[in-house]
PDB file of all heavy atoms in Angstrom:
ATOM      1  N   ILE A   1      83.269 125.386 104.456  1.00  0.00           N
ATOM      2  CA  ILE A   1      83.996 125.072 103.237  1.00  0.00           C
ATOM      3  C   ILE A   1      84.349 126.368 102.530  1.00  0.00           C
ATOM      4  O   ILE A   1      83.590 127.344 102.566  1.00  0.00           O
ATOM      5  CB  ILE A   1      83.178 124.143 102.321  1.00  0.00           C
ATOM      6  CG1 ILE A   1      84.041 123.613 101.178  1.00  0.00           C
ATOM      7  CG2 ILE A   1      81.921 124.832 101.800  1.00  0.00           C
ATOM      8  CD1 ILE A   1      83.386 122.485 100.391  1.00  0.00           C
ATOM      9  N   SER A   2      85.507 126.401 101.902  1.00  0.00           N
ATOM     10  CA  SER A   2      85.930 127.573 101.167  1.00  0.00           C
ATOM     11  C   SER A   2      86.810 127.152 100.002  1.00  0.00           C
ATOM     12  O   SER A   2      87.403 126.070 100.007  1.00  0.00           O
ATOM     13  CB  SER A   2      86.674 128.568 102.062  1.00  0.00           C
ATOM     14  OG  SER A   2      87.880 128.010 102.564  1.00  0.00           O
ATOM     15  N   ARG A   3      86.878 128.017  99.006  1.00  0.00           N
ATOM     16  CA  ARG A   3      87.769 127.817  97.882  1.00  0.00           C
ATOM     17  C   ARG A   3      88.509 129.108  97.611  1.00  0.00           C
ATOM     18  O   ARG A   3      87.911 130.178  97.568  1.00  0.00           O
ATOM     19  CB  ARG A   3      86.991 127.368  96.636  1.00  0.00           C
ATOM     20  CG  ARG A   3      86.358 125.995  96.781  1.00  0.00           C
ATOM     21  CD  ARG A   3      85.654 125.571  95.514  1.00  0.00           C
ATOM     22  NE  ARG A   3      86.602 125.368  94.427  1.00  0.00           N
ATOM     23  CZ  ARG A   3      86.256 125.001  93.196  1.00  0.00           C
ATOM     24  NH1 ARG A   3      84.968 124.801  92.907  1.00  0.00           N
ATOM     25  NH2 ARG A   3      87.183 124.839  92.274  1.00  0.00           N
ATOM     26  N   ASP A   4      89.804 128.998  97.410  1.00  0.00           N
ATOM     27  CA  ASP A   4      90.634 130.151  97.104  1.00  0.00           C
ATOM     28  C   ASP A   4      90.794 130.357  95.602  1.00  0.00           C
ATOM     29  O   ASP A   4      91.042 131.482  95.158  1.00  0.00           O
ATOM     30  CB  ASP A   4      92.017 129.994  97.731  1.00  0.00           C
ATOM     31  CG  ASP A   4      91.952 129.800  99.226  1.00  0.00           C
ATOM     32  OD1 ASP A   4      91.329 130.656  99.899  1.00  0.00           O
ATOM     33  OD2 ASP A   4      92.510 128.813  99.727  1.00  0.00           O
ATOM     34  N   ASN A   5      90.668 129.293  94.849  1.00  0.00           N
ATOM     35  CA  ASN A   5      90.823 129.353  93.408  1.00  0.00           C
ATOM     36  C   ASN A   5      90.136 128.152  92.788  1.00  0.00           C
ATOM     37  O   ASN A   5      89.443 127.393  93.475  1.00  0.00           O
ATOM     38  CB  ASN A   5      92.305 129.436  93.021  1.00  0.00           C
ATOM     39  CG  ASN A   5      93.131 128.320  93.632  1.00  0.00           C
ATOM     40  OD1 ASN A   5      92.823 127.141  93.443  1.00  0.00           O
ATOM     41  ND2 ASN A   5      94.173 128.680  94.364  1.00  0.00           N
ATOM     42  N   ALA A   6      90.343 127.968  91.507  1.00  0.00           N
ATOM     43  CA  ALA A   6      89.661 126.913  90.762  1.00  0.00           C
ATOM     44  C   ALA A   6      90.265 125.537  90.956  1.00  0.00           C
ATOM     45  O   ALA A   6      89.748 124.562  90.403  1.00  0.00           O
ATOM     46  CB  ALA A   6      89.650 127.261  89.272  1.00  0.00           C
ATOM     47  N   LYS A   7      91.328 125.426  91.736  1.00  0.00           N
ATOM     48  CA  LYS A   7      92.052 124.172  91.883  1.00  0.00           C
ATOM     49  C   LYS A   7      92.190 123.704  93.321  1.00  0.00           C
ATOM     50  O   LYS A   7      92.890 122.714  93.578  1.00  0.00           O
ATOM     51  CB  LYS A   7      93.456 124.301  91.276  1.00  0.00           C
ATOM     52  CG  LYS A   7      93.457 124.513  89.779  1.00  0.00           C
ATOM     53  CD  LYS A   7      94.843 124.809  89.248  1.00  0.00           C
ATOM     54  CE  LYS A   7      95.786 123.623  89.426  1.00  0.00           C
ATOM     55  NZ  LYS A   7      95.368 122.449  88.613  1.00  0.00           N
ATOM     56  N   ASN A   8      91.539 124.374  94.262  1.00  0.00           N
ATOM     57  CA  ASN A   8      91.678 123.962  95.649  1.00  0.00           C
ATOM     58  C   ASN A   8      90.370 124.075  96.408  1.00  0.00           C
ATOM     59  O   ASN A   8      89.407 124.701  95.949  1.00  0.00           O
ATOM     60  CB  ASN A   8      92.779 124.781  96.342  1.00  0.00           C
ATOM     61  CG  ASN A   8      92.258 126.029  97.021  1.00  0.00           C
ATOM     62  OD1 ASN A   8      91.492 126.798  96.432  1.00  0.00           O
ATOM     63  ND2 ASN A   8      92.662 126.235  98.273  1.00  0.00           N
ATOM     64  N   VAL A   9      90.346 123.449  97.572  1.00  0.00           N
ATOM     65  CA  VAL A   9      89.211 123.543  98.475  1.00  0.00           C
ATOM     66  C   VAL A   9      89.716 123.315  99.897  1.00  0.00           C
ATOM     67  O   VAL A   9      90.653 122.543 100.122  1.00  0.00           O
ATOM     68  CB  VAL A   9      88.112 122.522  98.106  1.00  0.00           C
ATOM     69  CG1 VAL A   9      88.619 121.087  98.240  1.00  0.00           C
ATOM     70  CG2 VAL A   9      86.859 122.733  98.944  1.00  0.00           C
ATOM     71  N   ASN A  10      89.098 124.008 100.846  1.00  0.00           N
ATOM     72  CA  ASN A  10      89.450 123.885 102.252  1.00  0.00           C
ATOM     73  C   ASN A  10      88.214 123.507 103.056  1.00  0.00           C
ATOM     74  O   ASN A  10      87.082 123.760 102.651  1.00  0.00           O
ATOM     75  CB  ASN A  10      90.007 125.204 102.795  1.00  0.00           C
ATOM     76  CG  ASN A  10      91.131 125.758 101.960  1.00  0.00           C
ATOM     77  OD1 ASN A  10      92.168 125.112 101.794  1.00  0.00           O
ATOM     78  ND2 ASN A  10      90.934 126.953 101.417  1.00  0.00           N
ATOM     79  N   LEU A  11      88.456 122.926 104.205  1.00  0.00           N
ATOM     80  CA  LEU A  11      87.373 122.625 105.133  1.00  0.00           C
ATOM     81  C   LEU A  11      87.843 122.960 106.543  1.00  0.00           C
ATOM     82  O   LEU A  11      88.680 122.243 107.105  1.00  0.00           O
ATOM     83  CB  LEU A  11      86.956 121.157 105.044  1.00  0.00           C
ATOM     84  CG  LEU A  11      85.719 120.777 105.844  1.00  0.00           C
ATOM     85  CD1 LEU A  11      84.472 121.405 105.225  1.00  0.00           C
ATOM     86  CD2 LEU A  11      85.560 119.260 105.916  1.00  0.00           C
ATOM     87  N   GLN A  12      87.325 124.055 107.081  1.00  0.00           N
ATOM     88  CA  GLN A  12      87.601 124.418 108.465  1.00  0.00           C
ATOM     89  C   GLN A  12      86.619 123.683 109.353  1.00  0.00           C
ATOM     90  O   GLN A  12      85.404 123.854 109.223  1.00  0.00           O
ATOM     91  CB  GLN A  12      87.470 125.926 108.663  1.00  0.00           C
ATOM     92  CG  GLN A  12      87.691 126.389 110.090  1.00  0.00           C
ATOM     93  CD  GLN A  12      89.114 126.192 110.558  1.00  0.00           C
ATOM     94  OE1 GLN A  12      90.051 126.499 109.836  1.00  0.00           O
ATOM     95  NE2 GLN A  12      89.279 125.653 111.761  1.00  0.00           N
ATOM     96  N   MET A  13      87.127 122.868 110.251  1.00  0.00           N
ATOM     97  CA  MET A  13      86.295 122.041 111.117  1.00  0.00           C
ATOM     98  C   MET A  13      86.487 122.488 112.559  1.00  0.00           C
ATOM     99  O   MET A  13      87.587 122.383 113.111  1.00  0.00           O
ATOM    100  CB  MET A  13      86.658 120.563 110.965  1.00  0.00           C
ATOM    101  CG  MET A  13      86.581 120.064 109.524  1.00  0.00           C
ATOM    102  SD  MET A  13      86.837 118.278 109.391  1.00  0.00           S
ATOM    103  CE  MET A  13      88.544 118.164 109.929  1.00  0.00           C
ATOM    104  N   ASN A  14      85.414 122.974 113.154  1.00  0.00           N
ATOM    105  CA  ASN A  14      85.431 123.429 114.537  1.00  0.00           C
ATOM    106  C   ASN A  14      84.494 122.575 115.381  1.00  0.00           C
ATOM    107  O   ASN A  14      83.586 121.919 114.861  1.00  0.00           O
ATOM    108  CB  ASN A  14      85.007 124.892 114.631  1.00  0.00           C
ATOM    109  CG  ASN A  14      85.929 125.828 113.897  1.00  0.00           C
ATOM    110  OD1 ASN A  14      87.143 125.620 113.856  1.00  0.00           O
ATOM    111  ND2 ASN A  14      85.366 126.883 113.308  1.00  0.00           N
ATOM    112  N   ASP A  15      84.708 122.622 116.688  1.00  0.00           N
ATOM    113  CA  ASP A  15      83.876 121.866 117.625  1.00  0.00           C
ATOM    114  C   ASP A  15      83.744 120.408 117.188  1.00  0.00           C
ATOM    115  O   ASP A  15      82.645 119.852 117.112  1.00  0.00           O
ATOM    116  CB  ASP A  15      82.501 122.519 117.757  1.00  0.00           C
ATOM    117  CG  ASP A  15      81.696 121.967 118.918  1.00  0.00           C
ATOM    118  OD1 ASP A  15      82.298 121.467 119.888  1.00  0.00           O
ATOM    119  OD2 ASP A  15      80.446 122.029 118.863  1.00  0.00           O
ATOM    120  N   LEU A  16      84.866 119.795 116.933  1.00  0.00           N
ATOM    121  CA  LEU A  16      84.859 118.423 116.440  1.00  0.00           C
ATOM    122  C   LEU A  16      84.335 117.447 117.488  1.00  0.00           C
ATOM    123  O   LEU A  16      84.584 117.611 118.685  1.00  0.00           O
ATOM    124  CB  LEU A  16      86.259 118.021 116.004  1.00  0.00           C
ATOM    125  CG  LEU A  16      86.680 118.585 114.645  1.00  0.00           C
ATOM    126  CD1 LEU A  16      88.196 118.571 114.505  1.00  0.00           C
ATOM    127  CD2 LEU A  16      86.026 117.796 113.520  1.00  0.00           C
ATOM    128  N   LYS A  17      83.623 116.460 117.015  1.00  0.00           N
ATOM    129  CA  LYS A  17      83.005 115.456 117.853  1.00  0.00           C
ATOM    130  C   LYS A  17      83.518 114.079 117.469  1.00  0.00           C
ATOM    131  O   LYS A  17      83.943 113.870 116.338  1.00  0.00           O
ATOM    132  CB  LYS A  17      81.486 115.512 117.703  1.00  0.00           C
ATOM    133  CG  LYS A  17      80.891 116.884 117.992  1.00  0.00           C
ATOM    134  CD  LYS A  17      79.395 116.897 117.792  1.00  0.00           C
ATOM    135  CE  LYS A  17      78.837 118.298 117.995  1.00  0.00           C
ATOM    136  NZ  LYS A  17      79.084 118.807 119.370  1.00  0.00           N
ATOM    137  N   PRO A  18      83.468 113.118 118.397  1.00  0.00           N
ATOM    138  CA  PRO A  18      83.938 111.772 118.059  1.00  0.00           C
ATOM    139  C   PRO A  18      83.274 111.197 116.812  1.00  0.00           C
ATOM    140  O   PRO A  18      83.931 110.466 116.064  1.00  0.00           O
ATOM    141  CB  PRO A  18      83.583 110.962 119.308  1.00  0.00           C
ATOM    142  CG  PRO A  18      83.664 111.955 120.412  1.00  0.00           C
ATOM    143  CD  PRO A  18      83.133 113.238 119.828  1.00  0.00           C
ATOM    144  N   GLU A  19      82.016 111.517 116.585  1.00  0.00           N
ATOM    145  CA  GLU A  19      81.325 111.003 115.416  1.00  0.00           C
ATOM    146  C   GLU A  19      81.819 111.609 114.108  1.00  0.00           C
ATOM    147  O   GLU A  19      81.420 111.165 113.030  1.00  0.00           O
ATOM    148  CB  GLU A  19      79.807 111.187 115.546  1.00  0.00           C
ATOM    149  CG  GLU A  19      79.390 112.598 115.905  1.00  0.00           C
ATOM    150  CD  GLU A  19      79.149 112.773 117.398  1.00  0.00           C
ATOM    151  OE1 GLU A  19      79.956 112.278 118.211  1.00  0.00           O
ATOM    152  OE2 GLU A  19      78.145 113.425 117.762  1.00  0.00           O
ATOM    153  N   ASP A  20      82.677 112.629 114.178  1.00  0.00           N
ATOM    154  CA  ASP A  20      83.307 113.166 112.982  1.00  0.00           C
ATOM    155  C   ASP A  20      84.500 112.337 112.532  1.00  0.00           C
ATOM    156  O   ASP A  20      85.051 112.590 111.456  1.00  0.00           O
ATOM    157  CB  ASP A  20      83.774 114.605 113.212  1.00  0.00           C
ATOM    158  CG  ASP A  20      82.625 115.568 113.472  1.00  0.00           C
ATOM    159  OD1 ASP A  20      81.601 115.478 112.762  1.00  0.00           O
ATOM    160  OD2 ASP A  20      82.765 116.413 114.375  1.00  0.00           O
ATOM    161  N   THR A  21      84.919 111.382 113.344  1.00  0.00           N
ATOM    162  CA  THR A  21      86.059 110.549 113.005  1.00  0.00           C
ATOM    163  C   THR A  21      85.799 109.789 111.708  1.00  0.00           C
ATOM    164  O   THR A  21      84.802 109.084 111.574  1.00  0.00           O
ATOM    165  CB  THR A  21      86.365 109.567 114.134  1.00  0.00           C
ATOM    166  OG1 THR A  21      86.754 110.289 115.304  1.00  0.00           O
ATOM    167  CG2 THR A  21      87.488 108.617 113.749  1.00  0.00           C
ATOM    168  N   ALA A  22      86.704 109.941 110.754  1.00  0.00           N
ATOM    169  CA  ALA A  22      86.543 109.318 109.448  1.00  0.00           C
ATOM    170  C   ALA A  22      87.755 109.640 108.593  1.00  0.00           C
ATOM    171  O   ALA A  22      88.577 110.488 108.943  1.00  0.00           O
ATOM    172  CB  ALA A  22      85.276 109.825 108.750  1.00  0.00           C
ATOM    173  N   VAL A  23      87.846 108.961 107.472  1.00  0.00           N
ATOM    174  CA  VAL A  23      88.742 109.380 106.410  1.00  0.00           C
ATOM    175  C   VAL A  23      88.006 110.417 105.574  1.00  0.00           C
ATOM    176  O   VAL A  23      86.895 110.167 105.102  1.00  0.00           O
ATOM    177  CB  VAL A  23      89.186 108.203 105.533  1.00  0.00           C
ATOM    178  CG1 VAL A  23      89.985 108.709 104.328  1.00  0.00           C
ATOM    179  CG2 VAL A  23      90.011 107.214 106.339  1.00  0.00           C
ATOM    180  N   TYR A  24      88.611 111.561 105.410  1.00  0.00           N
ATOM    181  CA  TYR A  24      88.020 112.648 104.641  1.00  0.00           C
ATOM    182  C   TYR A  24      88.650 112.660 103.258  1.00  0.00           C
ATOM    183  O   TYR A  24      89.875 112.702 103.122  1.00  0.00           O
ATOM    184  CB  TYR A  24      88.216 113.984 105.350  1.00  0.00           C
ATOM    185  CG  TYR A  24      87.276 114.159 106.511  1.00  0.00           C
ATOM    186  CD1 TYR A  24      87.428 113.411 107.673  1.00  0.00           C
ATOM    187  CD2 TYR A  24      86.206 115.054 106.442  1.00  0.00           C
ATOM    188  CE1 TYR A  24      86.545 113.538 108.726  1.00  0.00           C
ATOM    189  CE2 TYR A  24      85.326 115.204 107.496  1.00  0.00           C
ATOM    190  CZ  TYR A  24      85.494 114.438 108.642  1.00  0.00           C
ATOM    191  OH  TYR A  24      84.616 114.578 109.691  1.00  0.00           O
ATOM    192  N   LEU A  25      87.795 112.615 102.249  1.00  0.00           N
ATOM    193  CA  LEU A  25      88.222 112.477 100.872  1.00  0.00           C
ATOM    194  C   LEU A  25      87.866 113.723 100.085  1.00  0.00           C
ATOM    195  O   LEU A  25      86.698 114.113 100.017  1.00  0.00           O
ATOM    196  CB  LEU A  25      87.554 111.271 100.224  1.00  0.00           C
ATOM    197  CG  LEU A  25      87.905 109.905 100.827  1.00  0.00           C
ATOM    198  CD1 LEU A  25      86.768 108.936 100.635  1.00  0.00           C
ATOM    199  CD2 LEU A  25      89.178 109.377 100.188  1.00  0.00           C
ATOM    200  N   CYS A  26      88.857 114.320  99.495  1.00  0.00           N
ATOM    201  CA  CYS A  26      88.629 115.444  98.597  1.00  0.00           C
ATOM    202  C   CYS A  26      88.175 114.930  97.238  1.00  0.00           C
ATOM    203  O   CYS A  26      88.639 113.887  96.773  1.00  0.00           O
ATOM    204  CB  CYS A  26      89.927 116.236  98.453  1.00  0.00           C
ATOM    205  SG  CYS A  26      89.860 117.618  97.287  1.00  0.00           S
ATOM    206  N   TYR A  27      87.251 115.655  96.621  1.00  0.00           N
ATOM    207  CA  TYR A  27      86.880 115.312  95.254  1.00  0.00           C
ATOM    208  C   TYR A  27      86.681 116.568  94.435  1.00  0.00           C
ATOM    209  O   TYR A  27      86.439 117.656  94.971  1.00  0.00           O
ATOM    210  CB  TYR A  27      85.636 114.415  95.218  1.00  0.00           C
ATOM    211  CG  TYR A  27      84.318 115.137  95.320  1.00  0.00           C
ATOM    212  CD1 TYR A  27      83.526 115.347  94.192  1.00  0.00           C
ATOM    213  CD2 TYR A  27      83.848 115.595  96.540  1.00  0.00           C
ATOM    214  CE1 TYR A  27      82.306 115.990  94.285  1.00  0.00           C
ATOM    215  CE2 TYR A  27      82.633 116.246  96.641  1.00  0.00           C
ATOM    216  CZ  TYR A  27      81.860 116.441  95.510  1.00  0.00           C
ATOM    217  OH  TYR A  27      80.649 117.082  95.611  1.00  0.00           O
ATOM    218  N   ALA A  28      86.781 116.401  93.133  1.00  0.00           N
ATOM    219  CA  ALA A  28      86.651 117.516  92.209  1.00  0.00           C
ATOM    220  C   ALA A  28      85.943 117.053  90.950  1.00  0.00           C
ATOM    221  O   ALA A  28      86.090 115.906  90.533  1.00  0.00           O
ATOM    222  CB  ALA A  28      88.022 118.095  91.864  1.00  0.00           C
ATOM    223  N   VAL A  29      85.183 117.957  90.360  1.00  0.00           N
ATOM    224  CA  VAL A  29      84.439 117.670  89.137  1.00  0.00           C
ATOM    225  C   VAL A  29      84.828 118.677  88.078  1.00  0.00           C
ATOM    226  O   VAL A  29      84.822 119.884  88.327  1.00  0.00           O
ATOM    227  CB  VAL A  29      82.921 117.716  89.374  1.00  0.00           C
ATOM    228  CG1 VAL A  29      82.175 117.349  88.095  1.00  0.00           C
ATOM    229  CG2 VAL A  29      82.520 116.798  90.513  1.00  0.00           C
ATOM    230  N   ARG A  30      85.131 118.175  86.885  1.00  0.00           N
ATOM    231  CA  ARG A  30      85.481 119.030  85.770  1.00  0.00           C
ATOM    232  C   ARG A  30      84.517 118.777  84.631  1.00  0.00           C
ATOM    233  O   ARG A  30      84.212 117.620  84.315  1.00  0.00           O
ATOM    234  CB  ARG A  30      86.913 118.759  85.310  1.00  0.00           C
ATOM    235  CG  ARG A  30      87.424 119.745  84.263  1.00  0.00           C
ATOM    236  CD  ARG A  30      88.882 119.483  83.927  1.00  0.00           C
ATOM    237  NE  ARG A  30      89.058 118.300  83.097  1.00  0.00           N
ATOM    238  CZ  ARG A  30      89.043 118.310  81.774  1.00  0.00           C
ATOM    239  NH1 ARG A  30      88.864 119.450  81.109  1.00  0.00           N
ATOM    240  NH2 ARG A  30      89.221 117.179  81.105  1.00  0.00           N
ATOM    241  N   LEU A  31      84.027 119.852  84.025  1.00  0.00           N
ATOM    242  CA  LEU A  31      83.116 119.796  82.889  1.00  0.00           C
ATOM    243  C   LEU A  31      81.847 119.014  83.199  1.00  0.00           C
ATOM    244  O   LEU A  31      81.217 118.468  82.291  1.00  0.00           O
ATOM    245  CB  LEU A  31      83.822 119.220  81.663  1.00  0.00           C
ATOM    246  CG  LEU A  31      85.082 119.967  81.201  1.00  0.00           C
ATOM    247  CD1 LEU A  31      85.706 119.261  80.017  1.00  0.00           C
ATOM    248  CD2 LEU A  31      84.743 121.419  80.856  1.00  0.00           C
ATOM    249  N   GLY A  32      81.488 118.943  84.455  1.00  0.00           N
ATOM    250  CA  GLY A  32      80.254 118.328  84.860  1.00  0.00           C
ATOM    251  C   GLY A  32      80.198 116.821  84.785  1.00  0.00           C
ATOM    252  O   GLY A  32      79.159 116.234  85.127  1.00  0.00           O
ATOM    253  N   ARG A  33      81.288 116.175  84.363  1.00  0.00           N
ATOM    254  CA  ARG A  33      81.239 114.731  84.190  1.00  0.00           C
ATOM    255  C   ARG A  33      82.507 113.995  84.565  1.00  0.00           C
ATOM    256  O   ARG A  33      82.466 112.767  84.720  1.00  0.00           O
ATOM    257  CB  ARG A  33      80.877 114.394  82.750  1.00  0.00           C
ATOM    258  CG  ARG A  33      81.878 114.853  81.710  1.00  0.00           C
ATOM    259  CD  ARG A  33      81.317 114.616  80.315  1.00  0.00           C
ATOM    260  NE  ARG A  33      82.231 115.053  79.270  1.00  0.00           N
ATOM    261  CZ  ARG A  33      83.079 114.260  78.627  1.00  0.00           C
ATOM    262  NH1 ARG A  33      83.130 112.965  78.924  1.00  0.00           N
ATOM    263  NH2 ARG A  33      83.873 114.743  77.682  1.00  0.00           N
ATOM    264  N   HIS A  34      83.617 114.692  84.720  1.00  0.00           N
ATOM    265  CA  HIS A  34      84.864 114.038  85.105  1.00  0.00           C
ATOM    266  C   HIS A  34      85.067 114.219  86.605  1.00  0.00           C
ATOM    267  O   HIS A  34      85.202 115.342  87.089  1.00  0.00           O
ATOM    268  CB  HIS A  34      86.048 114.623  84.345  1.00  0.00           C
ATOM    269  CG  HIS A  34      85.946 114.473  82.863  1.00  0.00           C
ATOM    270  ND1 HIS A  34      86.075 113.248  82.241  1.00  0.00           N
ATOM    271  CD2 HIS A  34      85.728 115.385  81.886  1.00  0.00           C
ATOM    272  CE1 HIS A  34      85.942 113.416  80.934  1.00  0.00           C
ATOM    273  NE2 HIS A  34      85.733 114.696  80.695  1.00  0.00           N
ATOM    274  N   VAL A  35      85.094 113.118  87.336  1.00  0.00           N
ATOM    275  CA  VAL A  35      85.193 113.137  88.783  1.00  0.00           C
ATOM    276  C   VAL A  35      86.535 112.568  89.220  1.00  0.00           C
ATOM    277  O   VAL A  35      86.935 111.488  88.773  1.00  0.00           O
ATOM    278  CB  VAL A  35      84.054 112.348  89.443  1.00  0.00           C
ATOM    279  CG1 VAL A  35      84.150 112.446  90.961  1.00  0.00           C
ATOM    280  CG2 VAL A  35      82.702 112.860  88.955  1.00  0.00           C
ATOM    281  N   TYR A  36      87.200 113.277  90.107  1.00  0.00           N
ATOM    282  CA  TYR A  36      88.505 112.879  90.600  1.00  0.00           C
ATOM    283  C   TYR A  36      88.473 112.824  92.121  1.00  0.00           C
ATOM    284  O   TYR A  36      87.752 113.577  92.768  1.00  0.00           O
ATOM    285  CB  TYR A  36      89.579 113.877  90.156  1.00  0.00           C
ATOM    286  CG  TYR A  36      89.576 114.146  88.671  1.00  0.00           C
ATOM    287  CD1 TYR A  36      88.849 115.209  88.142  1.00  0.00           C
ATOM    288  CD2 TYR A  36      90.292 113.336  87.796  1.00  0.00           C
ATOM    289  CE1 TYR A  36      88.833 115.457  86.779  1.00  0.00           C
ATOM    290  CE2 TYR A  36      90.280 113.576  86.432  1.00  0.00           C
ATOM    291  CZ  TYR A  36      89.548 114.640  85.928  1.00  0.00           C
ATOM    292  OH  TYR A  36      89.541 114.881  84.569  1.00  0.00           O
ATOM    293  N   TRP A  37      89.290 111.945  92.680  1.00  0.00           N
ATOM    294  CA  TRP A  37      89.324 111.737  94.126  1.00  0.00           C
ATOM    295  C   TRP A  37      90.737 111.803  94.662  1.00  0.00           C
ATOM    296  O   TRP A  37      91.688 111.326  94.028  1.00  0.00           O
ATOM    297  CB  TRP A  37      88.745 110.365  94.487  1.00  0.00           C
ATOM    298  CG  TRP A  37      87.295 110.230  94.192  1.00  0.00           C
ATOM    299  CD1 TRP A  37      86.726 109.763  93.048  1.00  0.00           C
ATOM    300  CD2 TRP A  37      86.212 110.556  95.070  1.00  0.00           C
ATOM    301  NE1 TRP A  37      85.358 109.781  93.147  1.00  0.00           N
ATOM    302  CE2 TRP A  37      85.018 110.260  94.384  1.00  0.00           C
ATOM    303  CE3 TRP A  37      86.146 111.066  96.365  1.00  0.00           C
ATOM    304  CZ2 TRP A  37      83.760 110.461  94.954  1.00  0.00           C
ATOM    305  CZ3 TRP A  37      84.891 111.269  96.927  1.00  0.00           C
ATOM    306  CH2 TRP A  37      83.726 110.967  96.232  1.00  0.00           C
ATOM    307  N   GLY A  38      90.882 112.382  95.843  1.00  0.00           N
ATOM    308  CA  GLY A  38      92.130 112.280  96.569  1.00  0.00           C
ATOM    309  C   GLY A  38      92.222 110.954  97.298  1.00  0.00           C
ATOM    310  O   GLY A  38      91.271 110.168  97.331  1.00  0.00           O
ATOM    311  N   GLN A  39      93.369 110.693  97.898  1.00  0.00           N
ATOM    312  CA  GLN A  39      93.557 109.426  98.592  1.00  0.00           C
ATOM    313  C   GLN A  39      92.953 109.417  99.995  1.00  0.00           C
ATOM    314  O   GLN A  39      92.768 108.351 100.576  1.00  0.00           O
ATOM    315  CB  GLN A  39      95.039 109.079  98.677  1.00  0.00           C
ATOM    316  CG  GLN A  39      95.853 110.015  99.559  1.00  0.00           C
ATOM    317  CD  GLN A  39      97.298 109.578  99.681  1.00  0.00           C
ATOM    318  OE1 GLN A  39      97.664 108.461  99.318  1.00  0.00           O
ATOM    319  NE2 GLN A  39      98.130 110.459 100.200  1.00  0.00           N
ATOM    320  N   GLY A  40      92.654 110.574 100.529  1.00  0.00           N
ATOM    321  CA  GLY A  40      92.032 110.677 101.830  1.00  0.00           C
ATOM    322  C   GLY A  40      93.001 111.065 102.929  1.00  0.00           C
ATOM    323  O   GLY A  40      94.191 110.748 102.868  1.00  0.00           O
ATOM    324  N   THR A  41      92.481 111.747 103.931  1.00  0.00           N
ATOM    325  CA  THR A  41      93.257 112.104 105.105  1.00  0.00           C
ATOM    326  C   THR A  41      92.451 111.742 106.348  1.00  0.00           C
ATOM    327  O   THR A  41      91.248 112.001 106.429  1.00  0.00           O
ATOM    328  CB  THR A  41      93.635 113.602 105.095  1.00  0.00           C
ATOM    329  OG1 THR A  41      94.484 113.893 106.211  1.00  0.00           O
ATOM    330  CG2 THR A  41      92.417 114.510 105.148  1.00  0.00           C
ATOM    331  N   GLN A  42      93.110 111.118 107.309  1.00  0.00           N
ATOM    332  CA  GLN A  42      92.432 110.624 108.504  1.00  0.00           C
ATOM    333  C   GLN A  42      92.197 111.737 109.507  1.00  0.00           C
ATOM    334  O   GLN A  42      93.113 112.491 109.845  1.00  0.00           O
ATOM    335  CB  GLN A  42      93.257 109.513 109.159  1.00  0.00           C
ATOM    336  CG  GLN A  42      92.646 108.953 110.443  1.00  0.00           C
ATOM    337  CD  GLN A  42      91.402 108.142 110.198  1.00  0.00           C
ATOM    338  OE1 GLN A  42      91.376 107.298 109.295  1.00  0.00           O
ATOM    339  NE2 GLN A  42      90.359 108.386 110.980  1.00  0.00           N
TER     340      GLN A  42
END
């Protein structure tokens, strides 16, 4: 996992396995209490 700035996040996934199959959902927290979710990527 890496972040380039305060508004993004990346996930480099190597050696992927069938059990990694899923919808991956980005989330973010602001001020320790506001939680936001992306729609997901398959």
